[in-house]
Amino acid sequence: QVQLVESGGGLVQPGGSLKLSCEMSGDNISNYAMAWFRPAPGKERELVATISQSGIGFYVAPAKKDRFIVSKDNANGRVFLQMNNLNAEDTAVYYCAATFGRVYQVVAGHNMDYWGKGTLVTVSS
């Protein structure tokens, strides 16, 4: 049974940084493309970033690519989201998800196979 557990959320001041982590258990993370999502106004969720099985290919949503970095540690079963220069609009629950599919499929809205329960990020002074 694959499980995803996010960590690293919390309260941060505007302009600050946080690094989210998602750990997979129950399978080898190198079999999966991984992604980070958050809720968005008017839709169920928005894709924040996704990274390939190998960790070489990745995509970050255009509005965030100057501030967010996605990375993966296949040896230790983790995927990360480094978030810099945070602002109040970044306040959300961030969800980690996994799929056997490819990065381009995730970007196109492909359904994910597994989801974590989320970690809350609050940006406030």
PDB file of N, CA and C in Angstrom:
ATOM      1  N   GLN A   1       0.843  -1.176   0.000  1.00  0.00           N
ATOM      2  CA  GLN A   1       0.000   0.000   0.000  1.00  0.00           C
ATOM      3  C   GLN A   1       0.891   1.243   0.000  1.00  0.00           C
ATOM      4  N   VAL A   2       0.772   2.044  -1.041  1.00  0.00           N
ATOM      5  CA  VAL A   2       1.565   3.269  -1.131  1.00  0.00           C
ATOM      6  C   VAL A   2       0.975   4.319  -0.201  1.00  0.00           C
ATOM      7  N   GLN A   3       1.832   4.945   0.542  1.00  0.00           N
ATOM      8  CA  GLN A   3       1.428   6.069   1.392  1.00  0.00           C
ATOM      9  C   GLN A   3       2.348   7.244   1.136  1.00  0.00           C
ATOM     10  N   LEU A   4       1.758   8.420   1.156  1.00  0.00           N
ATOM     11  CA  LEU A   4       2.495   9.668   0.993  1.00  0.00           C
ATOM     12  C   LEU A   4       2.248  10.524   2.226  1.00  0.00           C
ATOM     13  N   VAL A   5       3.321  11.009   2.819  1.00  0.00           N
ATOM     14  CA  VAL A   5       3.196  11.836   4.010  1.00  0.00           C
ATOM     15  C   VAL A   5       3.973  13.123   3.797  1.00  0.00           C
ATOM     16  N   GLU A   6       3.242  14.229   3.816  1.00  0.00           N
ATOM     17  CA  GLU A   6       3.859  15.541   3.657  1.00  0.00           C
ATOM     18  C   GLU A   6       4.299  16.100   5.009  1.00  0.00           C
ATOM     19  N   SER A   7       5.303  16.951   4.961  1.00  0.00           N
ATOM     20  CA  SER A   7       5.767  17.657   6.143  1.00  0.00           C
ATOM     21  C   SER A   7       6.415  18.959   5.702  1.00  0.00           C
ATOM     22  N   GLY A   8       6.684  19.814   6.682  1.00  0.00           N
ATOM     23  CA  GLY A   8       7.394  21.047   6.391  1.00  0.00           C
ATOM     24  C   GLY A   8       6.531  22.288   6.328  1.00  0.00           C
ATOM     25  N   GLY A   9       5.232  22.120   6.404  1.00  0.00           N
ATOM     26  CA  GLY A   9       4.363  23.285   6.403  1.00  0.00           C
ATOM     27  C   GLY A   9       4.450  24.033   7.720  1.00  0.00           C
ATOM     28  N   GLY A  10       3.840  25.194   7.747  1.00  0.00           N
ATOM     29  CA  GLY A  10       3.852  25.988   8.965  1.00  0.00           C
ATOM     30  C   GLY A  10       3.549  27.432   8.674  1.00  0.00           C
ATOM     31  N   LEU A  11       3.809  28.263   9.673  1.00  0.00           N
ATOM     32  CA  LEU A  11       3.582  29.701   9.569  1.00  0.00           C
ATOM     33  C   LEU A  11       4.880  30.388   9.168  1.00  0.00           C
ATOM     34  N   VAL A  12       4.799  31.220   8.162  1.00  0.00           N
ATOM     35  CA  VAL A  12       5.973  31.949   7.697  1.00  0.00           C
ATOM     36  C   VAL A  12       5.561  33.376   7.355  1.00  0.00           C
ATOM     37  N   GLN A  13       6.464  34.295   7.549  1.00  0.00           N
ATOM     38  CA  GLN A  13       6.180  35.698   7.243  1.00  0.00           C
ATOM     39  C   GLN A  13       6.291  35.941   5.734  1.00  0.00           C
ATOM     40  N   PRO A  14       5.585  36.937   5.257  1.00  0.00           N
ATOM     41  CA  PRO A  14       5.730  37.295   3.840  1.00  0.00           C
ATOM     42  C   PRO A  14       7.196  37.534   3.486  1.00  0.00           C
ATOM     43  N   GLY A  15       7.600  37.006   2.353  1.00  0.00           N
ATOM     44  CA  GLY A  15       8.989  37.103   1.928  1.00  0.00           C
ATOM     45  C   GLY A  15       9.851  35.955   2.413  1.00  0.00           C
ATOM     46  N   GLY A  16       9.306  35.134   3.284  1.00  0.00           N
ATOM     47  CA  GLY A  16      10.064  34.017   3.823  1.00  0.00           C
ATOM     48  C   GLY A  16      10.049  32.796   2.915  1.00  0.00           C
ATOM     49  N   SER A  17      10.674  31.725   3.399  1.00  0.00           N
ATOM     50  CA  SER A  17      10.800  30.488   2.627  1.00  0.00           C
ATOM     51  C   SER A  17      10.385  29.291   3.464  1.00  0.00           C
ATOM     52  N   LEU A  18       9.939  28.276   2.776  1.00  0.00           N
ATOM     53  CA  LEU A  18       9.646  26.984   3.387  1.00  0.00           C
ATOM     54  C   LEU A  18      10.038  25.900   2.405  1.00  0.00           C
ATOM     55  N   LYS A  19      10.429  24.748   2.949  1.00  0.00           N
ATOM     56  CA  LYS A  19      10.709  23.595   2.113  1.00  0.00           C
ATOM     57  C   LYS A  19       9.798  22.455   2.548  1.00  0.00           C
ATOM     58  N   LEU A  20       8.895  22.094   1.661  1.00  0.00           N
ATOM     59  CA  LEU A  20       8.005  20.980   1.925  1.00  0.00           C
ATOM     60  C   LEU A  20       8.664  19.673   1.502  1.00  0.00           C
ATOM     61  N   SER A  21       8.331  18.628   2.239  1.00  0.00           N
ATOM     62  CA  SER A  21       8.846  17.302   1.943  1.00  0.00           C
ATOM     63  C   SER A  21       7.692  16.318   1.877  1.00  0.00           C
ATOM     64  N   CYS A  22       7.820  15.347   1.024  1.00  0.00           N
ATOM     65  CA  CYS A  22       6.823  14.283   0.915  1.00  0.00           C
ATOM     66  C   CYS A  22       7.576  12.964   0.847  1.00  0.00           C
ATOM     67  N   GLU A  23       7.253  12.086   1.769  1.00  0.00           N
ATOM     68  CA  GLU A  23       7.920  10.794   1.824  1.00  0.00           C
ATOM     69  C   GLU A  23       6.963   9.694   1.373  1.00  0.00           C
ATOM     70  N   MET A  24       7.441   8.853   0.499  1.00  0.00           N
ATOM     71  CA  MET A  24       6.661   7.720   0.028  1.00  0.00           C
ATOM     72  C   MET A  24       7.083   6.456   0.768  1.00  0.00           C
ATOM     73  N   SER A  25       6.099   5.665   1.154  1.00  0.00           N
ATOM     74  CA  SER A  25       6.358   4.327   1.669  1.00  0.00           C
ATOM     75  C   SER A  25       5.480   3.341   0.907  1.00  0.00           C
ATOM     76  N   GLY A  26       5.907   2.103   0.890  1.00  0.00           N
ATOM     77  CA  GLY A  26       5.120   1.065   0.232  1.00  0.00           C
ATOM     78  C   GLY A  26       5.516   0.765  -1.201  1.00  0.00           C
ATOM     79  N   ASP A  27       6.358   1.577  -1.768  1.00  0.00           N
ATOM     80  CA  ASP A  27       6.851   1.334  -3.124  1.00  0.00           C
ATOM     81  C   ASP A  27       8.080   2.206  -3.341  1.00  0.00           C
ATOM     82  N   ASN A  28       8.704   1.998  -4.489  1.00  0.00           N
ATOM     83  CA  ASN A  28       9.887   2.762  -4.847  1.00  0.00           C
ATOM     84  C   ASN A  28       9.463   4.034  -5.576  1.00  0.00           C
ATOM     85  N   ILE A  29       9.833   5.169  -5.015  1.00  0.00           N
ATOM     86  CA  ILE A  29       9.395   6.451  -5.583  1.00  0.00           C
ATOM     87  C   ILE A  29       9.910   6.664  -6.999  1.00  0.00           C
ATOM     88  N   SER A  30      10.944   5.950  -7.367  1.00  0.00           N
ATOM     89  CA  SER A  30      11.489   6.109  -8.721  1.00  0.00           C
ATOM     90  C   SER A  30      10.542   5.558  -9.793  1.00  0.00           C
ATOM     91  N   ASN A  31       9.509   4.845  -9.380  1.00  0.00           N
ATOM     92  CA  ASN A  31       8.503   4.358 -10.321  1.00  0.00           C
ATOM     93  C   ASN A  31       7.463   5.413 -10.672  1.00  0.00           C
ATOM     94  N   TYR A  32       7.513   6.549  -9.981  1.00  0.00           N
ATOM     95  CA  TYR A  32       6.429   7.523 -10.053  1.00  0.00           C
ATOM     96  C   TYR A  32       6.917   8.914 -10.446  1.00  0.00           C
ATOM     97  N   ALA A  33       6.093   9.559 -11.252  1.00  0.00           N
ATOM     98  CA  ALA A  33       6.186  11.004 -11.340  1.00  0.00           C
ATOM     99  C   ALA A  33       5.454  11.560 -10.119  1.00  0.00           C
ATOM    100  N   MET A  34       6.004  12.577  -9.533  1.00  0.00           N
ATOM    101  CA  MET A  34       5.446  13.166  -8.329  1.00  0.00           C
ATOM    102  C   MET A  34       4.990  14.592  -8.614  1.00  0.00           C
ATOM    103  N   ALA A  35       4.036  15.049  -7.821  1.00  0.00           N
ATOM    104  CA  ALA A  35       3.519  16.391  -8.046  1.00  0.00           C
ATOM    105  C   ALA A  35       3.055  17.013  -6.741  1.00  0.00           C
ATOM    106  N   TRP A  36       3.044  18.326  -6.769  1.00  0.00           N
ATOM    107  CA  TRP A  36       2.488  19.122  -5.671  1.00  0.00           C
ATOM    108  C   TRP A  36       1.286  19.895  -6.210  1.00  0.00           C
ATOM    109  N   PHE A  37       0.205  19.863  -5.430  1.00  0.00           N
ATOM    110  CA  PHE A  37      -1.012  20.576  -5.780  1.00  0.00           C
ATOM    111  C   PHE A  37      -1.451  21.432  -4.597  1.00  0.00           C
ATOM    112  N   ARG A  38      -2.280  22.409  -4.904  1.00  0.00           N
ATOM    113  CA  ARG A  38      -2.941  23.158  -3.845  1.00  0.00           C
ATOM    114  C   ARG A  38      -4.320  23.564  -4.352  1.00  0.00           C
ATOM    115  N   PRO A  39      -5.270  23.803  -3.464  1.00  0.00           N
ATOM    116  CA  PRO A  39      -6.584  24.266  -3.895  1.00  0.00           C
ATOM    117  C   PRO A  39      -6.459  25.620  -4.595  1.00  0.00           C
ATOM    118  N   ALA A  40      -7.380  25.878  -5.477  1.00  0.00           N
ATOM    119  CA  ALA A  40      -7.377  27.142  -6.206  1.00  0.00           C
ATOM    120  C   ALA A  40      -8.799  27.661  -6.344  1.00  0.00           C
ATOM    121  N   PRO A  41      -8.967  28.964  -6.323  1.00  0.00           N
ATOM    122  CA  PRO A  41     -10.305  29.542  -6.479  1.00  0.00           C
ATOM    123  C   PRO A  41     -10.958  29.094  -7.774  1.00  0.00           C
ATOM    124  N   GLY A  42     -12.165  28.655  -7.692  1.00  0.00           N
ATOM    125  CA  GLY A  42     -12.905  28.293  -8.895  1.00  0.00           C
ATOM    126  C   GLY A  42     -12.641  26.909  -9.432  1.00  0.00           C
ATOM    127  N   LYS A  43     -11.723  26.174  -8.846  1.00  0.00           N
ATOM    128  CA  LYS A  43     -11.464  24.801  -9.286  1.00  0.00           C
ATOM    129  C   LYS A  43     -11.000  23.970  -8.107  1.00  0.00           C
ATOM    130  N   GLU A  44     -11.002  22.673  -8.343  1.00  0.00           N
ATOM    131  CA  GLU A  44     -10.697  21.783  -7.222  1.00  0.00           C
ATOM    132  C   GLU A  44      -9.279  21.978  -6.716  1.00  0.00           C
ATOM    133  N   ARG A  45      -8.344  22.083  -7.642  1.00  0.00           N
ATOM    134  CA  ARG A  45      -6.953  22.239  -7.249  1.00  0.00           C
ATOM    135  C   ARG A  45      -6.158  22.738  -8.441  1.00  0.00           C
ATOM    136  N   GLU A  46      -4.997  23.224  -8.159  1.00  0.00           N
ATOM    137  CA  GLU A  46      -4.079  23.622  -9.226  1.00  0.00           C
ATOM    138  C   GLU A  46      -2.754  22.910  -9.046  1.00  0.00           C
ATOM    139  N   LEU A  47      -2.155  22.617 -10.170  1.00  0.00           N
ATOM    140  CA  LEU A  47      -0.841  21.998 -10.173  1.00  0.00           C
ATOM    141  C   LEU A  47       0.204  23.051  -9.851  1.00  0.00           C
ATOM    142  N   VAL A  48       1.000  22.787  -8.850  1.00  0.00           N
ATOM    143  CA  VAL A  48       2.086  23.699  -8.485  1.00  0.00           C
ATOM    144  C   VAL A  48       3.376  23.298  -9.197  1.00  0.00           C
ATOM    145  N   ALA A  49       3.702  22.011  -9.124  1.00  0.00           N
ATOM    146  CA  ALA A  49       4.927  21.519  -9.745  1.00  0.00           C
ATOM    147  C   ALA A  49       4.848  20.012  -9.871  1.00  0.00           C
ATOM    148  N   THR A  50       5.586  19.488 -10.833  1.00  0.00           N
ATOM    149  CA  THR A  50       5.674  18.048 -10.999  1.00  0.00           C
ATOM    150  C   THR A  50       7.069  17.670 -11.458  1.00  0.00           C
ATOM    151  N   ILE A  51       7.473  16.446 -11.140  1.00  0.00           N
ATOM    152  CA  ILE A  51       8.829  15.998 -11.453  1.00  0.00           C
ATOM    153  C   ILE A  51       8.775  14.538 -11.877  1.00  0.00           C
ATOM    154  N   SER A  52       9.642  14.187 -12.782  1.00  0.00           N
ATOM    155  CA  SER A  52       9.589  12.875 -13.423  1.00  0.00           C
ATOM    156  C   SER A  52      10.093  11.759 -12.523  1.00  0.00           C
ATOM    157  N   GLN A  53       9.937  10.549 -13.016  1.00  0.00           N
ATOM    158  CA  GLN A  53      10.407   9.381 -12.283  1.00  0.00           C
ATOM    159  C   GLN A  53      11.897   9.499 -11.945  1.00  0.00           C
ATOM    160  N   SER A  54      12.680   9.927 -12.885  1.00  0.00           N
ATOM    161  CA  SER A  54      14.128  10.022 -12.669  1.00  0.00           C
ATOM    162  C   SER A  54      14.512  11.259 -11.866  1.00  0.00           C
ATOM    163  N   GLY A  55      13.636  12.239 -11.861  1.00  0.00           N
ATOM    164  CA  GLY A  55      13.963  13.505 -11.208  1.00  0.00           C
ATOM    165  C   GLY A  55      14.612  14.508 -12.136  1.00  0.00           C
ATOM    166  N   ILE A  56      14.819  14.114 -13.381  1.00  0.00           N
ATOM    167  CA  ILE A  56      15.488  15.000 -14.326  1.00  0.00           C
ATOM    168  C   ILE A  56      14.495  15.959 -14.971  1.00  0.00           C
ATOM    169  N   GLY A  57      13.372  15.441 -15.421  1.00  0.00           N
ATOM    170  CA  GLY A  57      12.353  16.289 -16.028  1.00  0.00           C
ATOM    171  C   GLY A  57      11.441  16.861 -14.966  1.00  0.00           C
ATOM    172  N   PHE A  58      11.058  18.123 -15.163  1.00  0.00           N
ATOM    173  CA  PHE A  58      10.163  18.723 -14.185  1.00  0.00           C
ATOM    174  C   PHE A  58       9.404  19.876 -14.833  1.00  0.00           C
ATOM    175  N   TYR A  59       8.381  20.307 -14.136  1.00  0.00           N
ATOM    176  CA  TYR A  59       7.565  21.438 -14.555  1.00  0.00           C
ATOM    177  C   TYR A  59       7.137  22.176 -13.300  1.00  0.00           C
ATOM    178  N   VAL A  60       7.234  23.506 -13.352  1.00  0.00           N
ATOM    179  CA  VAL A  60       6.701  24.357 -12.295  1.00  0.00           C
ATOM    180  C   VAL A  60       5.723  25.318 -12.945  1.00  0.00           C
ATOM    181  N   ALA A  61       4.582  25.499 -12.338  1.00  0.00           N
ATOM    182  CA  ALA A  61       3.569  26.391 -12.889  1.00  0.00           C
ATOM    183  C   ALA A  61       4.190  27.748 -13.209  1.00  0.00           C
ATOM    184  N   PRO A  62       3.893  28.295 -14.365  1.00  0.00           N
ATOM    185  CA  PRO A  62       4.561  29.522 -14.813  1.00  0.00           C
ATOM    186  C   PRO A  62       4.516  30.662 -13.801  1.00  0.00           C
ATOM    187  N   ALA A  63       3.406  30.789 -13.099  1.00  0.00           N
ATOM    188  CA  ALA A  63       3.287  31.894 -12.145  1.00  0.00           C
ATOM    189  C   ALA A  63       4.170  31.700 -10.926  1.00  0.00           C
ATOM    190  N   LYS A  64       4.756  30.516 -10.795  1.00  0.00           N
ATOM    191  CA  LYS A  64       5.545  30.226  -9.599  1.00  0.00           C
ATOM    192  C   LYS A  64       6.983  29.843  -9.909  1.00  0.00           C
ATOM    193  N   LYS A  65       7.322  29.741 -11.156  1.00  0.00           N
ATOM    194  CA  LYS A  65       8.628  29.165 -11.498  1.00  0.00           C
ATOM    195  C   LYS A  65       9.798  30.035 -11.053  1.00  0.00           C
ATOM    196  N   ASP A  66       9.557  31.301 -10.784  1.00  0.00           N
ATOM    197  CA  ASP A  66      10.642  32.149 -10.298  1.00  0.00           C
ATOM    198  C   ASP A  66      10.850  32.017  -8.797  1.00  0.00           C
ATOM    199  N   ARG A  67       9.916  31.347  -8.105  1.00  0.00           N
ATOM    200  CA  ARG A  67      10.000  31.263  -6.652  1.00  0.00           C
ATOM    201  C   ARG A  67      10.031  29.832  -6.114  1.00  0.00           C
ATOM    202  N   PHE A  68       9.505  28.886  -6.874  1.00  0.00           N
ATOM    203  CA  PHE A  68       9.383  27.511  -6.378  1.00  0.00           C
ATOM    204  C   PHE A  68      10.330  26.580  -7.135  1.00  0.00           C
ATOM    205  N   ILE A  69      10.881  25.633  -6.400  1.00  0.00           N
ATOM    206  CA  ILE A  69      11.769  24.640  -6.982  1.00  0.00           C
ATOM    207  C   ILE A  69      11.313  23.254  -6.529  1.00  0.00           C
ATOM    208  N   VAL A  70      11.153  22.350  -7.481  1.00  0.00           N
ATOM    209  CA  VAL A  70      10.788  20.970  -7.151  1.00  0.00           C
ATOM    210  C   VAL A  70      12.006  20.088  -7.345  1.00  0.00           C
ATOM    211  N   SER A  71      12.191  19.148  -6.425  1.00  0.00           N
ATOM    212  CA  SER A  71      13.323  18.225  -6.524  1.00  0.00           C
ATOM    213  C   SER A  71      12.929  16.875  -5.946  1.00  0.00           C
ATOM    214  N   LYS A  72      13.767  15.899  -6.191  1.00  0.00           N
ATOM    215  CA  LYS A  72      13.417  14.521  -5.815  1.00  0.00           C
ATOM    216  C   LYS A  72      14.652  13.779  -5.352  1.00  0.00           C
ATOM    217  N   ASP A  73      14.493  12.971  -4.343  1.00  0.00           N
ATOM    218  CA  ASP A  73      15.568  12.123  -3.829  1.00  0.00           C
ATOM    219  C   ASP A  73      15.080  10.679  -3.894  1.00  0.00           C
ATOM    220  N   ASN A  74      15.347  10.039  -5.012  1.00  0.00           N
ATOM    221  CA  ASN A  74      14.853   8.666  -5.182  1.00  0.00           C
ATOM    222  C   ASN A  74      15.483   7.704  -4.183  1.00  0.00           C
ATOM    223  N   ALA A  75      16.693   7.954  -3.811  1.00  0.00           N
ATOM    224  CA  ALA A  75      17.371   7.040  -2.884  1.00  0.00           C
ATOM    225  C   ALA A  75      16.689   6.999  -1.524  1.00  0.00           C
ATOM    226  N   ASN A  76      16.095   8.113  -1.149  1.00  0.00           N
ATOM    227  CA  ASN A  76      15.456   8.198   0.164  1.00  0.00           C
ATOM    228  C   ASN A  76      13.940   8.325   0.092  1.00  0.00           C
ATOM    229  N   GLY A  77      13.402   8.156  -1.092  1.00  0.00           N
ATOM    230  CA  GLY A  77      11.949   8.116  -1.224  1.00  0.00           C
ATOM    231  C   GLY A  77      11.244   9.425  -0.947  1.00  0.00           C
ATOM    232  N   ARG A  78      11.856  10.539  -1.352  1.00  0.00           N
ATOM    233  CA  ARG A  78      11.268  11.840  -1.027  1.00  0.00           C
ATOM    234  C   ARG A  78      11.206  12.759  -2.245  1.00  0.00           C
ATOM    235  N   VAL A  79      10.223  13.637  -2.194  1.00  0.00           N
ATOM    236  CA  VAL A  79      10.126  14.728  -3.142  1.00  0.00           C
ATOM    237  C   VAL A  79       9.965  16.006  -2.328  1.00  0.00           C
ATOM    238  N   PHE A  80      10.511  17.098  -2.872  1.00  0.00           N
ATOM    239  CA  PHE A  80      10.557  18.350  -2.131  1.00  0.00           C
ATOM    240  C   PHE A  80       9.966  19.493  -2.963  1.00  0.00           C
ATOM    241  N   LEU A  81       9.501  20.490  -2.235  1.00  0.00           N
ATOM    242  CA  LEU A  81       9.081  21.736  -2.864  1.00  0.00           C
ATOM    243  C   LEU A  81       9.678  22.881  -2.063  1.00  0.00           C
ATOM    244  N   GLN A  82      10.665  23.533  -2.648  1.00  0.00           N
ATOM    245  CA  GLN A  82      11.275  24.703  -2.031  1.00  0.00           C
ATOM    246  C   GLN A  82      10.481  25.920  -2.476  1.00  0.00           C
ATOM    247  N   MET A  83       9.967  26.660  -1.510  1.00  0.00           N
ATOM    248  CA  MET A  83       9.140  27.825  -1.809  1.00  0.00           C
ATOM    249  C   MET A  83       9.806  29.054  -1.232  1.00  0.00           C
ATOM    250  N   ASN A  84      10.086  30.011  -2.096  1.00  0.00           N
ATOM    251  CA  ASN A  84      10.785  31.226  -1.690  1.00  0.00           C
ATOM    252  C   ASN A  84       9.916  32.458  -1.915  1.00  0.00           C
ATOM    253  N   ASN A  85      10.260  33.516  -1.216  1.00  0.00           N
ATOM    254  CA  ASN A  85       9.564  34.790  -1.370  1.00  0.00           C
ATOM    255  C   ASN A  85       8.048  34.591  -1.297  1.00  0.00           C
ATOM    256  N   LEU A  86       7.638  33.941  -0.251  1.00  0.00           N
ATOM    257  CA  LEU A  86       6.215  33.599  -0.108  1.00  0.00           C
ATOM    258  C   LEU A  86       5.377  34.843   0.156  1.00  0.00           C
ATOM    259  N   ASN A  87       4.138  34.786  -0.311  1.00  0.00           N
ATOM    260  CA  ASN A  87       3.187  35.860  -0.042  1.00  0.00           C
ATOM    261  C   ASN A  87       1.871  35.253   0.433  1.00  0.00           C
ATOM    262  N   ALA A  88       0.971  36.103   0.836  1.00  0.00           N
ATOM    263  CA  ALA A  88      -0.284  35.638   1.439  1.00  0.00           C
ATOM    264  C   ALA A  88      -1.073  34.743   0.488  1.00  0.00           C
ATOM    265  N   GLU A  89      -0.945  34.967  -0.803  1.00  0.00           N
ATOM    266  CA  GLU A  89      -1.679  34.146  -1.776  1.00  0.00           C
ATOM    267  C   GLU A  89      -1.174  32.717  -1.838  1.00  0.00           C
ATOM    268  N   ASP A  90      -0.015  32.478  -1.260  1.00  0.00           N
ATOM    269  CA  ASP A  90       0.520  31.115  -1.220  1.00  0.00           C
ATOM    270  C   ASP A  90      -0.052  30.315  -0.053  1.00  0.00           C
ATOM    271  N   THR A  91      -0.801  30.961   0.810  1.00  0.00           N
ATOM    272  CA  THR A  91      -1.424  30.262   1.925  1.00  0.00           C
ATOM    273  C   THR A  91      -2.387  29.204   1.391  1.00  0.00           C
ATOM    274  N   ALA A  92      -2.159  27.957   1.797  1.00  0.00           N
ATOM    275  CA  ALA A  92      -2.974  26.848   1.302  1.00  0.00           C
ATOM    276  C   ALA A  92      -2.512  25.556   1.951  1.00  0.00           C
ATOM    277  N   VAL A  93      -3.308  24.534   1.783  1.00  0.00           N
ATOM    278  CA  VAL A  93      -2.852  23.179   2.073  1.00  0.00           C
ATOM    279  C   VAL A  93      -2.203  22.652   0.806  1.00  0.00           C
ATOM    280  N   TYR A  94      -0.985  22.162   0.935  1.00  0.00           N
ATOM    281  CA  TYR A  94      -0.243  21.624  -0.201  1.00  0.00           C
ATOM    282  C   TYR A  94      -0.269  20.104  -0.144  1.00  0.00           C
ATOM    283  N   TYR A  95      -0.652  19.513  -1.261  1.00  0.00           N
ATOM    284  CA  TYR A  95      -0.793  18.071  -1.345  1.00  0.00           C
ATOM    285  C   TYR A  95       0.272  17.479  -2.266  1.00  0.00           C
ATOM    286  N   CYS A  96       0.811  16.386  -1.828  1.00  0.00           N
ATOM    287  CA  CYS A  96       1.732  15.594  -2.624  1.00  0.00           C
ATOM    288  C   CYS A  96       0.939  14.479  -3.306  1.00  0.00           C
ATOM    289  N   ALA A  97       1.307  14.164  -4.533  1.00  0.00           N
ATOM    290  CA  ALA A  97       0.613  13.103  -5.259  1.00  0.00           C
ATOM    291  C   ALA A  97       1.591  12.350  -6.142  1.00  0.00           C
ATOM    292  N   ALA A  98       1.231  11.122  -6.480  1.00  0.00           N
ATOM    293  CA  ALA A  98       2.098  10.258  -7.271  1.00  0.00           C
ATOM    294  C   ALA A  98       1.308   9.617  -8.409  1.00  0.00           C
ATOM    295  N   THR A  99       2.003   9.408  -9.521  1.00  0.00           N
ATOM    296  CA  THR A  99       1.391   8.734 -10.656  1.00  0.00           C
ATOM    297  C   THR A  99       2.422   7.904 -11.401  1.00  0.00           C
ATOM    298  N   PHE A 100       1.957   6.835 -12.026  1.00  0.00           N
ATOM    299  CA  PHE A 100       2.818   6.057 -12.907  1.00  0.00           C
ATOM    300  C   PHE A 100       3.002   6.768 -14.251  1.00  0.00           C
ATOM    301  N   GLY A 101       2.215   7.787 -14.483  1.00  0.00           N
ATOM    302  CA  GLY A 101       2.278   8.504 -15.744  1.00  0.00           C
ATOM    303  C   GLY A 101       3.488   9.406 -15.861  1.00  0.00           C
ATOM    304  N   ARG A 102       3.475  10.197 -16.910  1.00  0.00           N
ATOM    305  CA  ARG A 102       4.604  11.082 -17.232  1.00  0.00           C
ATOM    306  C   ARG A 102       4.302  12.524 -16.866  1.00  0.00           C
ATOM    307  N   VAL A 103       5.351  13.318 -16.795  1.00  0.00           N
ATOM    308  CA  VAL A 103       5.183  14.730 -16.421  1.00  0.00           C
ATOM    309  C   VAL A 103       4.210  15.426 -17.361  1.00  0.00           C
ATOM    310  N   TYR A 104       4.302  15.168 -18.661  1.00  0.00           N
ATOM    311  CA  TYR A 104       3.423  15.868 -19.585  1.00  0.00           C
ATOM    312  C   TYR A 104       1.953  15.490 -19.348  1.00  0.00           C
ATOM    313  N   GLN A 105       1.731  14.285 -18.867  1.00  0.00           N
ATOM    314  CA  GLN A 105       0.365  13.859 -18.566  1.00  0.00           C
ATOM    315  C   GLN A 105      -0.146  14.561 -17.306  1.00  0.00           C
ATOM    316  N   VAL A 106       0.709  14.716 -16.333  1.00  0.00           N
ATOM    317  CA  VAL A 106       0.317  15.443 -15.123  1.00  0.00           C
ATOM    318  C   VAL A 106      -0.052  16.880 -15.478  1.00  0.00           C
ATOM    319  N   VAL A 107       0.776  17.506 -16.300  1.00  0.00           N
ATOM    320  CA  VAL A 107       0.517  18.881 -16.717  1.00  0.00           C
ATOM    321  C   VAL A 107      -0.808  18.979 -17.470  1.00  0.00           C
ATOM    322  N   ALA A 108      -1.142  17.918 -18.204  1.00  0.00           N
ATOM    323  CA  ALA A 108      -2.379  17.902 -18.996  1.00  0.00           C
ATOM    324  C   ALA A 108      -3.603  17.548 -18.169  1.00  0.00           C
ATOM    325  N   GLY A 109      -3.406  17.277 -16.877  1.00  0.00           N
ATOM    326  CA  GLY A 109      -4.545  16.997 -16.019  1.00  0.00           C
ATOM    327  C   GLY A 109      -4.816  15.538 -15.740  1.00  0.00           C
ATOM    328  N   HIS A 110      -3.855  14.697 -16.039  1.00  0.00           N
ATOM    329  CA  HIS A 110      -3.954  13.264 -15.769  1.00  0.00           C
ATOM    330  C   HIS A 110      -4.282  13.013 -14.302  1.00  0.00           C
ATOM    331  N   ASN A 111      -5.164  12.043 -14.058  1.00  0.00           N
ATOM    332  CA  ASN A 111      -5.477  11.705 -12.671  1.00  0.00           C
ATOM    333  C   ASN A 111      -4.277  11.090 -11.966  1.00  0.00           C
ATOM    334  N   MET A 112      -4.057  11.503 -10.757  1.00  0.00           N
ATOM    335  CA  MET A 112      -2.974  10.956  -9.957  1.00  0.00           C
ATOM    336  C   MET A 112      -3.417   9.659  -9.301  1.00  0.00           C
ATOM    337  N   ASP A 113      -2.435   8.803  -9.019  1.00  0.00           N
ATOM    338  CA  ASP A 113      -2.760   7.495  -8.471  1.00  0.00           C
ATOM    339  C   ASP A 113      -2.835   7.483  -6.942  1.00  0.00           C
ATOM    340  N   TYR A 114      -2.022   8.285  -6.315  1.00  0.00           N
ATOM    341  CA  TYR A 114      -1.977   8.316  -4.847  1.00  0.00           C
ATOM    342  C   TYR A 114      -1.849   9.760  -4.380  1.00  0.00           C
ATOM    343  N   TRP A 115      -2.436  10.014  -3.212  1.00  0.00           N
ATOM    344  CA  TRP A 115      -2.417  11.354  -2.626  1.00  0.00           C
ATOM    345  C   TRP A 115      -2.016  11.298  -1.162  1.00  0.00           C
ATOM    346  N   GLY A 116      -1.310  12.334  -0.743  1.00  0.00           N
ATOM    347  CA  GLY A 116      -1.087  12.529   0.672  1.00  0.00           C
ATOM    348  C   GLY A 116      -2.236  13.305   1.290  1.00  0.00           C
ATOM    349  N   LYS A 117      -2.144  13.543   2.583  1.00  0.00           N
ATOM    350  CA  LYS A 117      -3.207  14.244   3.295  1.00  0.00           C
ATOM    351  C   LYS A 117      -2.992  15.741   3.367  1.00  0.00           C
ATOM    352  N   GLY A 118      -1.826  16.196   2.957  1.00  0.00           N
ATOM    353  CA  GLY A 118      -1.584  17.620   2.874  1.00  0.00           C
ATOM    354  C   GLY A 118      -0.846  18.184   4.067  1.00  0.00           C
ATOM    355  N   THR A 119      -0.206  19.319   3.802  1.00  0.00           N
ATOM    356  CA  THR A 119       0.455  20.072   4.859  1.00  0.00           C
ATOM    357  C   THR A 119       0.100  21.544   4.666  1.00  0.00           C
ATOM    358  N   LEU A 120      -0.241  22.203   5.761  1.00  0.00           N
ATOM    359  CA  LEU A 120      -0.738  23.577   5.691  1.00  0.00           C
ATOM    360  C   LEU A 120       0.402  24.575   5.706  1.00  0.00           C
ATOM    361  N   VAL A 121       0.357  25.477   4.754  1.00  0.00           N
ATOM    362  CA  VAL A 121       1.288  26.601   4.701  1.00  0.00           C
ATOM    363  C   VAL A 121       0.494  27.875   4.924  1.00  0.00           C
ATOM    364  N   THR A 122       0.914  28.641   5.909  1.00  0.00           N
ATOM    365  CA  THR A 122       0.254  29.906   6.214  1.00  0.00           C
ATOM    366  C   THR A 122       1.278  31.019   6.124  1.00  0.00           C
ATOM    367  N   VAL A 123       1.004  31.973   5.262  1.00  0.00           N
ATOM    368  CA  VAL A 123       1.903  33.113   5.086  1.00  0.00           C
ATOM    369  C   VAL A 123       1.217  34.338   5.676  1.00  0.00           C
ATOM    370  N   SER A 124       1.785  34.809   6.765  1.00  0.00           N
ATOM    371  CA  SER A 124       1.151  35.915   7.471  1.00  0.00           C
ATOM    372  C   SER A 124       2.171  36.609   8.358  1.00  0.00           C
ATOM    373  N   SER A 125       1.983  37.908   8.529  1.00  0.00           N
ATOM    374  CA  SER A 125       2.840  38.650   9.440  1.00  0.00           C
ATOM    375  C   SER A 125       2.222  38.713  10.830  1.00  0.00           C
TER     376      SER A 125
END
